[in-house]
Amino acid sequence: EAFPELFNLPSNVYEVSLPKPLGIVFEEIEAGKGVYVADLVEGGNAERKGIIQKGDVLIGVTAIKVIGAKWERRLLPAIDFDFDTVVGAIGSNEDRWGCEDVIL
């Protein structure tokens, strides 16, 4: 495999795919400085997956960008997003765009 180190995440960083509703309670670290996992909904998708933990900081999230009649899904760096931007990005991953999950 060419350049495998480029595709390895640091040991304290992980990627997880979850269907909505995620079952995650996010809170802002401080205005415009990202969000962290304040809690997991008991029995929710995140808790059942068993990867995300309280205190985790969101560093990326998929979102849909629509330009005219075209759209694309991108993984966006979320470390400086405010709460509303994170919620908007998560919410944009809709069935009508072929999204069955949200990647965090």
Protein backbone atom coordinates (compact mmCIF):
# COMPACT_ATOMS: atom_id res chain seq x y z
CA GLU A 1 0.00 0.00 0.00
CA ALA A 2 1.47 3.35 -1.04
CA PHE A 3 1.84 5.89 1.75
CA PRO A 4 -0.23 4.03 4.40
CA GLU A 5 0.87 6.47 7.11
CA LEU A 6 -1.12 9.19 5.35
CA PHE A 7 -4.32 7.25 5.96
CA ASN A 8 -3.74 6.32 9.60
CA LEU A 9 -5.46 8.45 12.20
CA PRO A 10 -3.58 9.41 15.38
CA SER A 11 -4.19 6.99 18.27
CA ASN A 12 -6.62 9.35 20.04
CA VAL A 13 -8.65 10.14 16.88
CA TYR A 14 -11.25 7.89 15.28
CA GLU A 15 -13.90 7.96 12.59
CA VAL A 16 -17.38 6.60 13.17
CA SER A 17 -20.43 6.27 10.94
CA LEU A 18 -23.82 6.58 12.65
CA PRO A 19 -27.41 6.64 11.41
CA LYS A 20 -29.60 9.50 12.59
CA PRO A 21 -30.71 10.19 15.22
CA LEU A 22 -27.15 10.03 16.52
CA GLY A 23 -28.04 9.89 20.19
CA ILE A 24 -25.33 12.40 21.12
CA VAL A 25 -25.71 15.50 23.29
CA PHE A 26 -23.19 18.08 22.08
CA GLU A 27 -22.20 21.23 23.97
CA GLU A 28 -20.03 24.10 22.81
CA ILE A 29 -16.51 24.21 24.24
CA GLU A 30 -16.78 28.00 23.98
CA ALA A 31 -18.37 30.21 21.33
CA GLY A 32 -16.96 29.28 17.91
CA LYS A 33 -14.39 26.87 19.35
CA GLY A 34 -16.01 23.52 18.57
CA VAL A 35 -18.20 21.08 20.44
CA TYR A 36 -17.69 18.08 22.68
CA VAL A 37 -19.83 15.10 23.65
CA ALA A 38 -21.60 16.10 26.86
CA ASP A 39 -23.66 12.91 27.04
CA LEU A 40 -24.96 9.92 25.11
CA VAL A 41 -28.65 9.08 24.89
CA GLU A 42 -29.29 5.81 26.68
CA GLY A 43 -29.99 3.13 24.05
CA GLY A 44 -29.22 5.61 21.24
CA ASN A 45 -27.20 4.87 18.12
CA ALA A 46 -23.93 6.28 19.50
CA GLU A 47 -24.18 4.36 22.77
CA ARG A 48 -25.03 1.12 20.97
CA LYS A 49 -22.05 1.55 18.61
CA GLY A 50 -19.80 1.79 21.69
CA ILE A 51 -17.06 4.00 20.25
CA ILE A 52 -17.98 7.59 21.14
CA GLN A 53 -17.43 8.57 24.77
CA LYS A 54 -18.45 11.51 26.97
CA GLY A 55 -15.83 14.25 26.68
CA ASP A 56 -14.84 13.43 23.09
CA VAL A 57 -14.22 16.51 20.94
CA LEU A 58 -15.72 16.61 17.45
CA ILE A 59 -13.01 17.36 14.90
CA GLY A 60 -14.88 16.52 11.68
CA VAL A 61 -18.40 15.96 10.37
CA THR A 62 -19.93 15.22 6.99
CA ALA A 63 -22.21 17.82 5.43
CA ILE A 64 -24.04 18.31 2.16
CA LYS A 65 -23.25 21.35 0.04
CA VAL A 66 -25.83 22.27 -2.61
CA ILE A 67 -24.87 24.50 -5.53
CA GLY A 68 -27.70 25.04 -8.00
CA ALA A 69 -28.83 21.61 -9.17
CA LYS A 70 -25.65 19.87 -7.98
CA TRP A 71 -24.71 18.63 -4.53
CA GLU A 72 -21.73 17.02 -2.85
CA ARG A 73 -20.99 15.45 0.50
CA ARG A 74 -17.79 16.47 2.25
CA LEU A 75 -16.06 15.74 5.52
CA LEU A 76 -15.53 19.17 7.07
CA PRO A 77 -13.11 20.12 9.84
CA ALA A 78 -15.38 21.01 12.77
CA ILE A 79 -12.85 22.05 15.39
CA ASP A 80 -13.83 25.74 15.06
CA PHE A 81 -17.56 25.28 14.37
CA ASP A 82 -20.14 26.71 16.70
CA PHE A 83 -23.01 24.56 17.99
CA ASP A 84 -25.52 25.69 15.35
CA THR A 85 -23.09 24.98 12.49
CA VAL A 86 -22.48 21.44 13.82
CA VAL A 87 -26.22 20.79 14.12
CA GLY A 88 -26.76 22.17 10.60
CA ALA A 89 -23.99 19.98 9.15
CA ILE A 90 -25.39 16.86 10.84
CA GLY A 91 -28.91 17.73 9.70
CA SER A 92 -27.81 18.18 6.08
CA ASN A 93 -27.02 14.45 5.79
CA GLU A 94 -30.52 13.63 4.54
CA ASP A 95 -32.01 10.59 2.80
CA ARG A 96 -32.86 12.73 -0.24
CA TRP A 97 -29.10 13.10 -0.85
CA GLY A 98 -28.56 9.37 -0.46
CA CYS A 99 -27.12 9.71 3.05
CA GLU A 100 -27.92 6.83 5.35
CA ASP A 101 -25.45 7.98 7.99
CA VAL A 102 -23.37 10.82 9.38
CA ILE A 103 -19.61 10.41 9.58
CA LEU A 104 -17.95 11.95 12.61
